[in-house]
Amino acid sequence: MSDRNKKSGNYLDRVPVRAEHILWTVEESGLVTLDVENRGIFHRFAQRFFHKPKISHIHLDPMGSFVWCLIDGSRDILNLSASVKERFGEEASPLYERLSKYFQVLHSYGFISFR
């Protein structure tokens, strides 16, 4: 990322990278499931006393699955948005707001980082 992009803070110029610790699968239908290990003292407590699972399975919707599969660590969000628009058309509207929020959520859970 150039210095100009870093200073401008344009979220769409950010390049998402999938976290290596997240295991994931793609079903025949094309939907993605993320397998996230629940680690830490609170998770161990919940697993032992409330029978919570050691691994959570997060099922992405069709658009989220499509985007997840496109994340390659080289394309920025703006570039990814062009592919989403081509595939989903008006169904993706409002495109930039939805993608920005989607990536914010993925980042907040540690599923992705940014270059």
PDB file of N, CA and C in Angstrom:
ATOM      1  N   MET A   1       0.859  -1.160   0.000  1.00  0.00           N
ATOM      2  CA  MET A   1       0.000   0.000   0.000  1.00  0.00           C
ATOM      3  C   MET A   1       0.909   1.228   0.000  1.00  0.00           C
ATOM      4  N   SER A   2       0.602   2.169  -0.833  1.00  0.00           N
ATOM      5  CA  SER A   2       1.420   3.383  -0.907  1.00  0.00           C
ATOM      6  C   SER A   2       1.164   4.267   0.307  1.00  0.00           C
ATOM      7  N   ASP A   3       2.067   5.236   0.530  1.00  0.00           N
ATOM      8  CA  ASP A   3       1.891   6.170   1.639  1.00  0.00           C
ATOM      9  C   ASP A   3       0.600   6.959   1.489  1.00  0.00           C
ATOM     10  N   ARG A   4       0.239   7.274   0.242  1.00  0.00           N
ATOM     11  CA  ARG A   4      -0.988   8.029  -0.005  1.00  0.00           C
ATOM     12  C   ARG A   4      -2.204   7.257   0.506  1.00  0.00           C
ATOM     13  N   ASN A   5      -2.274   5.955   0.229  1.00  0.00           N
ATOM     14  CA  ASN A   5      -3.400   5.142   0.679  1.00  0.00           C
ATOM     15  C   ASN A   5      -3.435   5.022   2.194  1.00  0.00           C
ATOM     16  N   LYS A   6      -2.277   4.923   2.826  1.00  0.00           N
ATOM     17  CA  LYS A   6      -2.226   4.828   4.282  1.00  0.00           C
ATOM     18  C   LYS A   6      -2.737   6.108   4.920  1.00  0.00           C
ATOM     19  N   LYS A   7      -2.361   7.252   4.347  1.00  0.00           N
ATOM     20  CA  LYS A   7      -2.771   8.535   4.909  1.00  0.00           C
ATOM     21  C   LYS A   7      -4.238   8.824   4.652  1.00  0.00           C
ATOM     22  N   SER A   8      -4.734   8.434   3.462  1.00  0.00           N
ATOM     23  CA  SER A   8      -6.117   8.753   3.115  1.00  0.00           C
ATOM     24  C   SER A   8      -7.101   7.962   3.970  1.00  0.00           C
ATOM     25  N   GLY A   9      -6.695   6.766   4.397  1.00  0.00           N
ATOM     26  CA  GLY A   9      -7.570   5.968   5.229  1.00  0.00           C
ATOM     27  C   GLY A   9      -8.758   5.404   4.483  1.00  0.00           C
ATOM     28  N   ASN A  10      -8.709   5.349   3.171  1.00  0.00           N
ATOM     29  CA  ASN A  10      -9.814   4.814   2.391  1.00  0.00           C
ATOM     30  C   ASN A  10      -9.937   3.321   2.657  1.00  0.00           C
ATOM     31  N   TYR A  11     -11.016   2.937   3.275  1.00  0.00           N
ATOM     32  CA  TYR A  11     -11.235   1.546   3.660  1.00  0.00           C
ATOM     33  C   TYR A  11     -11.230   0.626   2.446  1.00  0.00           C
ATOM     34  N   LEU A  12     -11.726   1.104   1.314  1.00  0.00           N
ATOM     35  CA  LEU A  12     -11.815   0.277   0.115  1.00  0.00           C
ATOM     36  C   LEU A  12     -10.455  -0.044  -0.482  1.00  0.00           C
ATOM     37  N   ASP A  13      -9.410   0.680  -0.079  1.00  0.00           N
ATOM     38  CA  ASP A  13      -8.052   0.411  -0.565  1.00  0.00           C
ATOM     39  C   ASP A  13      -7.344  -0.663   0.251  1.00  0.00           C
ATOM     40  N   ARG A  14      -7.959  -1.122   1.319  1.00  0.00           N
ATOM     41  CA  ARG A  14      -7.332  -2.123   2.180  1.00  0.00           C
ATOM     42  C   ARG A  14      -7.374  -3.503   1.521  1.00  0.00           C
ATOM     43  N   VAL A  15      -6.337  -4.292   1.772  1.00  0.00           N
ATOM     44  CA  VAL A  15      -6.221  -5.632   1.193  1.00  0.00           C
ATOM     45  C   VAL A  15      -6.438  -6.667   2.305  1.00  0.00           C
ATOM     46  N   PRO A  16      -7.566  -7.398   2.254  1.00  0.00           N
ATOM     47  CA  PRO A  16      -7.824  -8.399   3.291  1.00  0.00           C
ATOM     48  C   PRO A  16      -6.996  -9.671   3.072  1.00  0.00           C
ATOM     49  N   VAL A  17      -6.602 -10.278   4.190  1.00  0.00           N
ATOM     50  CA  VAL A  17      -5.846 -11.530   4.187  1.00  0.00           C
ATOM     51  C   VAL A  17      -6.520 -12.458   5.190  1.00  0.00           C
ATOM     52  N   ARG A  18      -6.850 -13.677   4.755  1.00  0.00           N
ATOM     53  CA  ARG A  18      -7.475 -14.647   5.666  1.00  0.00           C
ATOM     54  C   ARG A  18      -6.497 -15.060   6.753  1.00  0.00           C
ATOM     55  N   ALA A  19      -6.996 -15.208   7.977  1.00  0.00           N
ATOM     56  CA  ALA A  19      -6.172 -15.673   9.090  1.00  0.00           C
ATOM     57  C   ALA A  19      -5.817 -17.138   8.861  1.00  0.00           C
ATOM     58  N   GLU A  20      -4.569 -17.477   9.083  1.00  0.00           N
ATOM     59  CA  GLU A  20      -4.103 -18.843   8.833  1.00  0.00           C
ATOM     60  C   GLU A  20      -4.723 -19.855   9.787  1.00  0.00           C
ATOM     61  N   HIS A  21      -5.113 -19.429  10.980  1.00  0.00           N
ATOM     62  CA  HIS A  21      -5.648 -20.370  11.960  1.00  0.00           C
ATOM     63  C   HIS A  21      -7.118 -20.735  11.712  1.00  0.00           C
ATOM     64  N   ILE A  22      -7.747 -20.079  10.756  1.00  0.00           N
ATOM     65  CA  ILE A  22      -9.152 -20.369  10.456  1.00  0.00           C
ATOM     66  C   ILE A  22      -9.218 -21.476   9.404  1.00  0.00           C
ATOM     67  N   LEU A  23      -9.798 -22.601   9.788  1.00  0.00           N
ATOM     68  CA  LEU A  23     -10.030 -23.678   8.834  1.00  0.00           C
ATOM     69  C   LEU A  23     -11.389 -23.438   8.190  1.00  0.00           C
ATOM     70  N   TRP A  24     -11.504 -23.779   6.916  1.00  0.00           N
ATOM     71  CA  TRP A  24     -12.769 -23.554   6.241  1.00  0.00           C
ATOM     72  C   TRP A  24     -12.980 -24.580   5.142  1.00  0.00           C
ATOM     73  N   THR A  25     -14.244 -24.795   4.818  1.00  0.00           N
ATOM     74  CA  THR A  25     -14.615 -25.732   3.768  1.00  0.00           C
ATOM     75  C   THR A  25     -15.658 -25.080   2.869  1.00  0.00           C
ATOM     76  N   VAL A  26     -15.707 -25.576   1.646  1.00  0.00           N
ATOM     77  CA  VAL A  26     -16.712 -25.119   0.684  1.00  0.00           C
ATOM     78  C   VAL A  26     -17.594 -26.313   0.349  1.00  0.00           C
ATOM     79  N   GLU A  27     -18.883 -26.156   0.557  1.00  0.00           N
ATOM     80  CA  GLU A  27     -19.837 -27.211   0.225  1.00  0.00           C
ATOM     81  C   GLU A  27     -20.053 -27.250  -1.280  1.00  0.00           C
ATOM     82  N   GLU A  28     -20.681 -28.309  -1.767  1.00  0.00           N
ATOM     83  CA  GLU A  28     -20.981 -28.422  -3.197  1.00  0.00           C
ATOM     84  C   GLU A  28     -21.814 -27.245  -3.689  1.00  0.00           C
ATOM     85  N   SER A  29     -22.646 -26.709  -2.812  1.00  0.00           N
ATOM     86  CA  SER A  29     -23.503 -25.579  -3.172  1.00  0.00           C
ATOM     87  C   SER A  29     -22.711 -24.276  -3.303  1.00  0.00           C
ATOM     88  N   GLY A  30     -21.444 -24.291  -2.872  1.00  0.00           N
ATOM     89  CA  GLY A  30     -20.620 -23.095  -2.924  1.00  0.00           C
ATOM     90  C   GLY A  30     -20.593 -22.313  -1.625  1.00  0.00           C
ATOM     91  N   LEU A  31     -21.375 -22.741  -0.634  1.00  0.00           N
ATOM     92  CA  LEU A  31     -21.396 -22.042   0.645  1.00  0.00           C
ATOM     93  C   LEU A  31     -20.183 -22.440   1.485  1.00  0.00           C
ATOM     94  N   VAL A  32     -19.641 -21.460   2.183  1.00  0.00           N
ATOM     95  CA  VAL A  32     -18.438 -21.653   2.989  1.00  0.00           C
ATOM     96  C   VAL A  32     -18.822 -21.795   4.457  1.00  0.00           C
ATOM     97  N   THR A  33     -18.127 -22.705   5.135  1.00  0.00           N
ATOM     98  CA  THR A  33     -18.251 -22.865   6.581  1.00  0.00           C
ATOM     99  C   THR A  33     -16.880 -22.634   7.198  1.00  0.00           C
ATOM    100  N   LEU A  34     -16.808 -21.698   8.135  1.00  0.00           N
ATOM    101  CA  LEU A  34     -15.577 -21.431   8.868  1.00  0.00           C
ATOM    102  C   LEU A  34     -15.604 -22.254  10.148  1.00  0.00           C
ATOM    103  N   ASP A  35     -14.508 -22.931  10.457  1.00  0.00           N
ATOM    104  CA  ASP A  35     -14.390 -23.714  11.679  1.00  0.00           C
ATOM    105  C   ASP A  35     -13.446 -22.977  12.615  1.00  0.00           C
ATOM    106  N   VAL A  36     -13.990 -22.448  13.696  1.00  0.00           N
ATOM    107  CA  VAL A  36     -13.233 -21.605  14.608  1.00  0.00           C
ATOM    108  C   VAL A  36     -13.108 -22.301  15.954  1.00  0.00           C
ATOM    109  N   GLU A  37     -11.861 -22.508  16.394  1.00  0.00           N
ATOM    110  CA  GLU A  37     -11.620 -23.120  17.698  1.00  0.00           C
ATOM    111  C   GLU A  37     -11.856 -22.090  18.782  1.00  0.00           C
ATOM    112  N   ASN A  38     -12.644 -22.451  19.769  1.00  0.00           N
ATOM    113  CA  ASN A  38     -12.947 -21.575  20.901  1.00  0.00           C
ATOM    114  C   ASN A  38     -11.882 -21.792  21.970  1.00  0.00           C
ATOM    115  N   ARG A  39     -10.920 -20.868  22.033  1.00  0.00           N
ATOM    116  CA  ARG A  39      -9.800 -20.998  22.967  1.00  0.00           C
ATOM    117  C   ARG A  39      -9.903 -19.942  24.056  1.00  0.00           C
ATOM    118  N   GLY A  40      -9.182 -20.172  25.120  1.00  0.00           N
ATOM    119  CA  GLY A  40      -9.131 -19.205  26.207  1.00  0.00           C
ATOM    120  C   GLY A  40      -9.847 -19.708  27.439  1.00  0.00           C
ATOM    121  N   ILE A  41      -9.610 -19.064  28.542  1.00  0.00           N
ATOM    122  CA  ILE A  41     -10.132 -19.489  29.845  1.00  0.00           C
ATOM    123  C   ILE A  41     -11.660 -19.446  29.900  1.00  0.00           C
ATOM    124  N   PHE A  42     -12.248 -18.403  29.347  1.00  0.00           N
ATOM    125  CA  PHE A  42     -13.711 -18.298  29.381  1.00  0.00           C
ATOM    126  C   PHE A  42     -14.362 -19.365  28.514  1.00  0.00           C
ATOM    127  N   HIS A  43     -13.740 -19.646  27.353  1.00  0.00           N
ATOM    128  CA  HIS A  43     -14.285 -20.688  26.482  1.00  0.00           C
ATOM    129  C   HIS A  43     -14.160 -22.059  27.135  1.00  0.00           C
ATOM    130  N   ARG A  44     -13.023 -22.313  27.793  1.00  0.00           N
ATOM    131  CA  ARG A  44     -12.852 -23.596  28.480  1.00  0.00           C
ATOM    132  C   ARG A  44     -13.884 -23.752  29.599  1.00  0.00           C
ATOM    133  N   PHE A  45     -14.138 -22.685  30.306  1.00  0.00           N
ATOM    134  CA  PHE A  45     -15.155 -22.702  31.358  1.00  0.00           C
ATOM    135  C   PHE A  45     -16.528 -23.023  30.765  1.00  0.00           C
ATOM    136  N   ALA A  46     -16.875 -22.344  29.695  1.00  0.00           N
ATOM    137  CA  ALA A  46     -18.174 -22.557  29.042  1.00  0.00           C
ATOM    138  C   ALA A  46     -18.278 -23.970  28.472  1.00  0.00           C
ATOM    139  N   GLN A  47     -17.170 -24.491  27.936  1.00  0.00           N
ATOM    140  CA  GLN A  47     -17.178 -25.850  27.397  1.00  0.00           C
ATOM    141  C   GLN A  47     -17.405 -26.876  28.503  1.00  0.00           C
ATOM    142  N   ARG A  48     -16.760 -26.666  29.626  1.00  0.00           N
ATOM    143  CA  ARG A  48     -16.847 -27.626  30.728  1.00  0.00           C
ATOM    144  C   ARG A  48     -18.206 -27.569  31.427  1.00  0.00           C
ATOM    145  N   PHE A  49     -18.674 -26.371  31.750  1.00  0.00           N
ATOM    146  CA  PHE A  49     -19.870 -26.256  32.582  1.00  0.00           C
ATOM    147  C   PHE A  49     -21.170 -26.050  31.809  1.00  0.00           C
ATOM    148  N   PHE A  50     -21.072 -25.502  30.600  1.00  0.00           N
ATOM    149  CA  PHE A  50     -22.287 -25.248  29.822  1.00  0.00           C
ATOM    150  C   PHE A  50     -22.342 -26.068  28.545  1.00  0.00           C
ATOM    151  N   HIS A  51     -21.389 -26.985  28.406  1.00  0.00           N
ATOM    152  CA  HIS A  51     -21.338 -27.898  27.262  1.00  0.00           C
ATOM    153  C   HIS A  51     -21.311 -27.159  25.917  1.00  0.00           C
ATOM    154  N   LYS A  52     -20.581 -26.072  25.890  1.00  0.00           N
ATOM    155  CA  LYS A  52     -20.406 -25.317  24.646  1.00  0.00           C
ATOM    156  C   LYS A  52     -19.376 -26.040  23.789  1.00  0.00           C
ATOM    157  N   PRO A  53     -19.480 -25.924  22.473  1.00  0.00           N
ATOM    158  CA  PRO A  53     -18.567 -26.673  21.592  1.00  0.00           C
ATOM    159  C   PRO A  53     -17.138 -26.113  21.605  1.00  0.00           C
ATOM    160  N   LYS A  54     -16.186 -27.013  21.375  1.00  0.00           N
ATOM    161  CA  LYS A  54     -14.787 -26.602  21.280  1.00  0.00           C
ATOM    162  C   LYS A  54     -14.546 -25.868  19.956  1.00  0.00           C
ATOM    163  N   ILE A  55     -15.295 -26.263  18.944  1.00  0.00           N
ATOM    164  CA  ILE A  55     -15.174 -25.626  17.630  1.00  0.00           C
ATOM    165  C   ILE A  55     -16.545 -25.117  17.199  1.00  0.00           C
ATOM    166  N   SER A  56     -16.585 -23.851  16.808  1.00  0.00           N
ATOM    167  CA  SER A  56     -17.814 -23.263  16.275  1.00  0.00           C
ATOM    168  C   SER A  56     -17.774 -23.317  14.759  1.00  0.00           C
ATOM    169  N   HIS A  57     -18.891 -23.648  14.159  1.00  0.00           N
ATOM    170  CA  HIS A  57     -19.013 -23.707  12.707  1.00  0.00           C
ATOM    171  C   HIS A  57     -19.847 -22.510  12.259  1.00  0.00           C
ATOM    172  N   ILE A  58     -19.220 -21.630  11.522  1.00  0.00           N
ATOM    173  CA  ILE A  58     -19.883 -20.408  11.081  1.00  0.00           C
ATOM    174  C   ILE A  58     -20.206 -20.556   9.600  1.00  0.00           C
ATOM    175  N   HIS A  59     -21.492 -20.546   9.298  1.00  0.00           N
ATOM    176  CA  HIS A  59     -21.959 -20.747   7.931  1.00  0.00           C
ATOM    177  C   HIS A  59     -22.184 -19.382   7.278  1.00  0.00           C
ATOM    178  N   LEU A  60     -21.463 -19.133   6.195  1.00  0.00           N
ATOM    179  CA  LEU A  60     -21.590 -17.866   5.489  1.00  0.00           C
ATOM    180  C   LEU A  60     -22.716 -17.945   4.465  1.00  0.00           C
ATOM    181  N   ASP A  61     -23.356 -16.805   4.222  1.00  0.00           N
ATOM    182  CA  ASP A  61     -24.404 -16.742   3.205  1.00  0.00           C
ATOM    183  C   ASP A  61     -23.745 -16.765   1.817  1.00  0.00           C
ATOM    184  N   PRO A  62     -24.547 -16.828   0.742  1.00  0.00           N
ATOM    185  CA  PRO A  62     -23.961 -16.911  -0.598  1.00  0.00           C
ATOM    186  C   PRO A  62     -22.998 -15.770  -0.932  1.00  0.00           C
ATOM    187  N   MET A  63     -23.349 -14.540  -0.598  1.00  0.00           N
ATOM    188  CA  MET A  63     -22.464 -13.421  -0.915  1.00  0.00           C
ATOM    189  C   MET A  63     -21.197 -13.461  -0.065  1.00  0.00           C
ATOM    190  N   GLY A  64     -21.349 -13.748   1.223  1.00  0.00           N
ATOM    191  CA  GLY A  64     -20.198 -13.862   2.106  1.00  0.00           C
ATOM    192  C   GLY A  64     -19.271 -14.988   1.677  1.00  0.00           C
ATOM    193  N   SER A  65     -19.845 -16.106   1.252  1.00  0.00           N
ATOM    194  CA  SER A  65     -19.047 -17.234   0.768  1.00  0.00           C
ATOM    195  C   SER A  65     -18.277 -16.867  -0.495  1.00  0.00           C
ATOM    196  N   PHE A  66     -18.955 -16.173  -1.396  1.00  0.00           N
ATOM    197  CA  PHE A  66     -18.320 -15.742  -2.641  1.00  0.00           C
ATOM    198  C   PHE A  66     -17.130 -14.840  -2.346  1.00  0.00           C
ATOM    199  N   VAL A  67     -17.325 -13.875  -1.464  1.00  0.00           N
ATOM    200  CA  VAL A  67     -16.259 -12.938  -1.114  1.00  0.00           C
ATOM    201  C   VAL A  67     -15.120 -13.668  -0.406  1.00  0.00           C
ATOM    202  N   TRP A  68     -15.443 -14.548   0.538  1.00  0.00           N
ATOM    203  CA  TRP A  68     -14.416 -15.284   1.282  1.00  0.00           C
ATOM    204  C   TRP A  68     -13.489 -16.029   0.324  1.00  0.00           C
ATOM    205  N   CYS A  69     -14.073 -16.662  -0.683  1.00  0.00           N
ATOM    206  CA  CYS A  69     -13.272 -17.421  -1.646  1.00  0.00           C
ATOM    207  C   CYS A  69     -12.399 -16.514  -2.514  1.00  0.00           C
ATOM    208  N   LEU A  70     -12.790 -15.266  -2.672  1.00  0.00           N
ATOM    209  CA  LEU A  70     -12.001 -14.325  -3.480  1.00  0.00           C
ATOM    210  C   LEU A  70     -10.822 -13.721  -2.726  1.00  0.00           C
ATOM    211  N   ILE A  71     -10.844 -13.772  -1.409  1.00  0.00           N
ATOM    212  CA  ILE A  71      -9.773 -13.167  -0.620  1.00  0.00           C
ATOM    213  C   ILE A  71      -8.487 -13.947  -0.880  1.00  0.00           C
ATOM    214  N   ASP A  72      -7.516 -13.261  -1.473  1.00  0.00           N
ATOM    215  CA  ASP A  72      -6.249 -13.922  -1.803  1.00  0.00           C
ATOM    216  C   ASP A  72      -5.022 -13.166  -1.290  1.00  0.00           C
ATOM    217  N   GLY A  73      -5.244 -12.079  -0.567  1.00  0.00           N
ATOM    218  CA  GLY A  73      -4.132 -11.318  -0.021  1.00  0.00           C
ATOM    219  C   GLY A  73      -3.483 -10.363  -1.004  1.00  0.00           C
ATOM    220  N   SER A  74      -4.040 -10.280  -2.213  1.00  0.00           N
ATOM    221  CA  SER A  74      -3.477  -9.351  -3.190  1.00  0.00           C
ATOM    222  C   SER A  74      -4.496  -8.343  -3.715  1.00  0.00           C
ATOM    223  N   ARG A  75      -5.780  -8.665  -3.613  1.00  0.00           N
ATOM    224  CA  ARG A  75      -6.821  -7.762  -4.120  1.00  0.00           C
ATOM    225  C   ARG A  75      -7.393  -6.919  -2.989  1.00  0.00           C
ATOM    226  N   ASP A  76      -7.573  -5.628  -3.272  1.00  0.00           N
ATOM    227  CA  ASP A  76      -8.168  -4.747  -2.276  1.00  0.00           C
ATOM    228  C   ASP A  76      -9.695  -4.868  -2.315  1.00  0.00           C
ATOM    229  N   ILE A  77     -10.345  -4.259  -1.348  1.00  0.00           N
ATOM    230  CA  ILE A  77     -11.799  -4.360  -1.231  1.00  0.00           C
ATOM    231  C   ILE A  77     -12.488  -3.761  -2.454  1.00  0.00           C
ATOM    232  N   LEU A  78     -11.951  -2.694  -3.002  1.00  0.00           N
ATOM    233  CA  LEU A  78     -12.535  -2.088  -4.201  1.00  0.00           C
ATOM    234  C   LEU A  78     -12.518  -3.068  -5.366  1.00  0.00           C
ATOM    235  N   ASN A  79     -11.412  -3.784  -5.542  1.00  0.00           N
ATOM    236  CA  ASN A  79     -11.310  -4.782  -6.601  1.00  0.00           C
ATOM    237  C   ASN A  79     -12.292  -5.923  -6.358  1.00  0.00           C
ATOM    238  N   LEU A  80     -12.391  -6.368  -5.116  1.00  0.00           N
ATOM    239  CA  LEU A  80     -13.326  -7.445  -4.788  1.00  0.00           C
ATOM    240  C   LEU A  80     -14.763  -7.015  -5.037  1.00  0.00           C
ATOM    241  N   SER A  81     -15.054  -5.741  -4.787  1.00  0.00           N
ATOM    242  CA  SER A  81     -16.418  -5.245  -4.975  1.00  0.00           C
ATOM    243  C   SER A  81     -16.859  -5.334  -6.432  1.00  0.00           C
ATOM    244  N   ALA A  82     -15.920  -5.179  -7.363  1.00  0.00           N
ATOM    245  CA  ALA A  82     -16.262  -5.296  -8.786  1.00  0.00           C
ATOM    246  C   ALA A  82     -16.730  -6.716  -9.100  1.00  0.00           C
ATOM    247  N   SER A  83     -16.060  -7.715  -8.525  1.00  0.00           N
ATOM    248  CA  SER A  83     -16.468  -9.111  -8.736  1.00  0.00           C
ATOM    249  C   SER A  83     -17.827  -9.392  -8.114  1.00  0.00           C
ATOM    250  N   VAL A  84     -18.066  -8.819  -6.932  1.00  0.00           N
ATOM    251  CA  VAL A  84     -19.352  -9.007  -6.257  1.00  0.00           C
ATOM    252  C   VAL A  84     -20.472  -8.372  -7.075  1.00  0.00           C
ATOM    253  N   LYS A  85     -20.224  -7.181  -7.578  1.00  0.00           N
ATOM    254  CA  LYS A  85     -21.243  -6.492  -8.385  1.00  0.00           C
ATOM    255  C   LYS A  85     -21.557  -7.281  -9.649  1.00  0.00           C
ATOM    256  N   GLU A  86     -20.525  -7.831 -10.264  1.00  0.00           N
ATOM    257  CA  GLU A  86     -20.719  -8.616 -11.486  1.00  0.00           C
ATOM    258  C   GLU A  86     -21.537  -9.873 -11.195  1.00  0.00           C
ATOM    259  N   ARG A  87     -21.279 -10.514 -10.069  1.00  0.00           N
ATOM    260  CA  ARG A  87     -21.946 -11.774  -9.722  1.00  0.00           C
ATOM    261  C   ARG A  87     -23.357 -11.561  -9.170  1.00  0.00           C
ATOM    262  N   PHE A  88     -23.546 -10.556  -8.294  1.00  0.00           N
ATOM    263  CA  PHE A  88     -24.823 -10.391  -7.592  1.00  0.00           C
ATOM    264  C   PHE A  88     -25.652  -9.217  -8.073  1.00  0.00           C
ATOM    265  N   GLY A  89     -25.076  -8.305  -8.821  1.00  0.00           N
ATOM    266  CA  GLY A  89     -25.819  -7.169  -9.358  1.00  0.00           C
ATOM    267  C   GLY A  89     -26.468  -6.329  -8.273  1.00  0.00           C
ATOM    268  N   GLU A  90     -27.731  -5.977  -8.488  1.00  0.00           N
ATOM    269  CA  GLU A  90     -28.457  -5.113  -7.553  1.00  0.00           C
ATOM    270  C   GLU A  90     -28.704  -5.777  -6.200  1.00  0.00           C
ATOM    271  N   GLU A  91     -28.646  -7.100  -6.167  1.00  0.00           N
ATOM    272  CA  GLU A  91     -28.838  -7.824  -4.912  1.00  0.00           C
ATOM    273  C   GLU A  91     -27.775  -7.427  -3.871  1.00  0.00           C
ATOM    274  N   ALA A  92     -26.626  -6.942  -4.347  1.00  0.00           N
ATOM    275  CA  ALA A  92     -25.525  -6.557  -3.455  1.00  0.00           C
ATOM    276  C   ALA A  92     -25.642  -5.118  -2.957  1.00  0.00           C
ATOM    277  N   SER A  93     -26.615  -4.383  -3.413  1.00  0.00           N
ATOM    278  CA  SER A  93     -26.747  -2.968  -3.028  1.00  0.00           C
ATOM    279  C   SER A  93     -27.200  -2.814  -1.593  1.00  0.00           C
ATOM    280  N   PRO A  94     -26.702  -1.829  -0.884  1.00  0.00           N
ATOM    281  CA  PRO A  94     -25.636  -0.887  -1.240  1.00  0.00           C
ATOM    282  C   PRO A  94     -24.268  -1.568  -1.096  1.00  0.00           C
ATOM    283  N   LEU A  95     -23.594  -1.737  -2.206  1.00  0.00           N
ATOM    284  CA  LEU A  95     -22.415  -2.580  -2.328  1.00  0.00           C
ATOM    285  C   LEU A  95     -21.277  -2.208  -1.389  1.00  0.00           C
ATOM    286  N   TYR A  96     -20.806  -0.976  -1.444  1.00  0.00           N
ATOM    287  CA  TYR A  96     -19.628  -0.591  -0.659  1.00  0.00           C
ATOM    288  C   TYR A  96     -19.903  -0.606   0.833  1.00  0.00           C
ATOM    289  N   GLU A  97     -21.088  -0.195   1.221  1.00  0.00           N
ATOM    290  CA  GLU A  97     -21.440  -0.210   2.632  1.00  0.00           C
ATOM    291  C   GLU A  97     -21.506  -1.639   3.165  1.00  0.00           C
ATOM    292  N   ARG A  98     -22.109  -2.526   2.377  1.00  0.00           N
ATOM    293  CA  ARG A  98     -22.228  -3.923   2.805  1.00  0.00           C
ATOM    294  C   ARG A  98     -20.864  -4.582   2.909  1.00  0.00           C
ATOM    295  N   LEU A  99     -20.025  -4.369   1.896  1.00  0.00           N
ATOM    296  CA  LEU A  99     -18.695  -4.989   1.936  1.00  0.00           C
ATOM    297  C   LEU A  99     -17.836  -4.411   3.053  1.00  0.00           C
ATOM    298  N   SER A 100     -17.912  -3.112   3.251  1.00  0.00           N
ATOM    299  CA  SER A 100     -17.146  -2.502   4.341  1.00  0.00           C
ATOM    300  C   SER A 100     -17.555  -3.092   5.681  1.00  0.00           C
ATOM    301  N   LYS A 101     -18.843  -3.218   5.908  1.00  0.00           N
ATOM    302  CA  LYS A 101     -19.338  -3.790   7.160  1.00  0.00           C
ATOM    303  C   LYS A 101     -18.930  -5.257   7.283  1.00  0.00           C
ATOM    304  N   TYR A 102     -19.038  -6.006   6.202  1.00  0.00           N
ATOM    305  CA  TYR A 102     -18.659  -7.423   6.191  1.00  0.00           C
ATOM    306  C   TYR A 102     -17.192  -7.582   6.600  1.00  0.00           C
ATOM    307  N   PHE A 103     -16.313  -6.780   6.011  1.00  0.00           N
ATOM    308  CA  PHE A 103     -14.893  -6.879   6.343  1.00  0.00           C
ATOM    309  C   PHE A 103     -14.604  -6.378   7.759  1.00  0.00           C
ATOM    310  N   GLN A 104     -15.347  -5.396   8.220  1.00  0.00           N
ATOM    311  CA  GLN A 104     -15.178  -4.943   9.607  1.00  0.00           C
ATOM    312  C   GLN A 104     -15.523  -6.066  10.586  1.00  0.00           C
ATOM    313  N   VAL A 105     -16.592  -6.788  10.291  1.00  0.00           N
ATOM    314  CA  VAL A 105     -17.004  -7.899  11.159  1.00  0.00           C
ATOM    315  C   VAL A 105     -15.963  -9.016  11.114  1.00  0.00           C
ATOM    316  N   LEU A 106     -15.531  -9.400   9.915  1.00  0.00           N
ATOM    317  CA  LEU A 106     -14.506 -10.444   9.799  1.00  0.00           C
ATOM    318  C   LEU A 106     -13.245 -10.061  10.568  1.00  0.00           C
ATOM    319  N   HIS A 107     -12.857  -8.793  10.455  1.00  0.00           N
ATOM    320  CA  HIS A 107     -11.657  -8.314  11.144  1.00  0.00           C
ATOM    321  C   HIS A 107     -11.855  -8.307  12.658  1.00  0.00           C
ATOM    322  N   SER A 108     -13.022  -7.890  13.121  1.00  0.00           N
ATOM    323  CA  SER A 108     -13.273  -7.816  14.568  1.00  0.00           C
ATOM    324  C   SER A 108     -13.225  -9.192  15.227  1.00  0.00           C
ATOM    325  N   TYR A 109     -13.572 -10.240  14.488  1.00  0.00           N
ATOM    326  CA  TYR A 109     -13.520 -11.596  15.023  1.00  0.00           C
ATOM    327  C   TYR A 109     -12.162 -12.268  14.786  1.00  0.00           C
ATOM    328  N   GLY A 110     -11.256 -11.572  14.123  1.00  0.00           N
ATOM    329  CA  GLY A 110      -9.929 -12.127  13.875  1.00  0.00           C
ATOM    330  C   GLY A 110      -9.882 -13.110  12.731  1.00  0.00           C
ATOM    331  N   PHE A 111     -10.897 -13.105  11.870  1.00  0.00           N
ATOM    332  CA  PHE A 111     -10.923 -14.017  10.734  1.00  0.00           C
ATOM    333  C   PHE A 111     -10.037 -13.530   9.594  1.00  0.00           C
ATOM    334  N   ILE A 112      -9.802 -12.215   9.546  1.00  0.00           N
ATOM    335  CA  ILE A 112      -8.937 -11.628   8.537  1.00  0.00           C
ATOM    336  C   ILE A 112      -8.054 -10.568   9.192  1.00  0.00           C
ATOM    337  N   SER A 113      -7.013 -10.191   8.471  1.00  0.00           N
ATOM    338  CA  SER A 113      -6.207  -9.016   8.811  1.00  0.00           C
ATOM    339  C   SER A 113      -6.088  -8.214   7.518  1.00  0.00           C
ATOM    340  N   PHE A 114      -5.440  -7.089   7.576  1.00  0.00           N
ATOM    341  CA  PHE A 114      -5.271  -6.265   6.390  1.00  0.00           C
ATOM    342  C   PHE A 114      -3.793  -6.018   6.126  1.00  0.00           C
ATOM    343  N   ARG A 115      -3.462  -5.976   4.858  1.00  0.00           N
ATOM    344  CA  ARG A 115      -2.108  -5.613   4.434  1.00  0.00           C
ATOM    345  C   ARG A 115      -2.055  -4.152   4.196  1.00  0.00           C
TER     346      ARG A 115
END
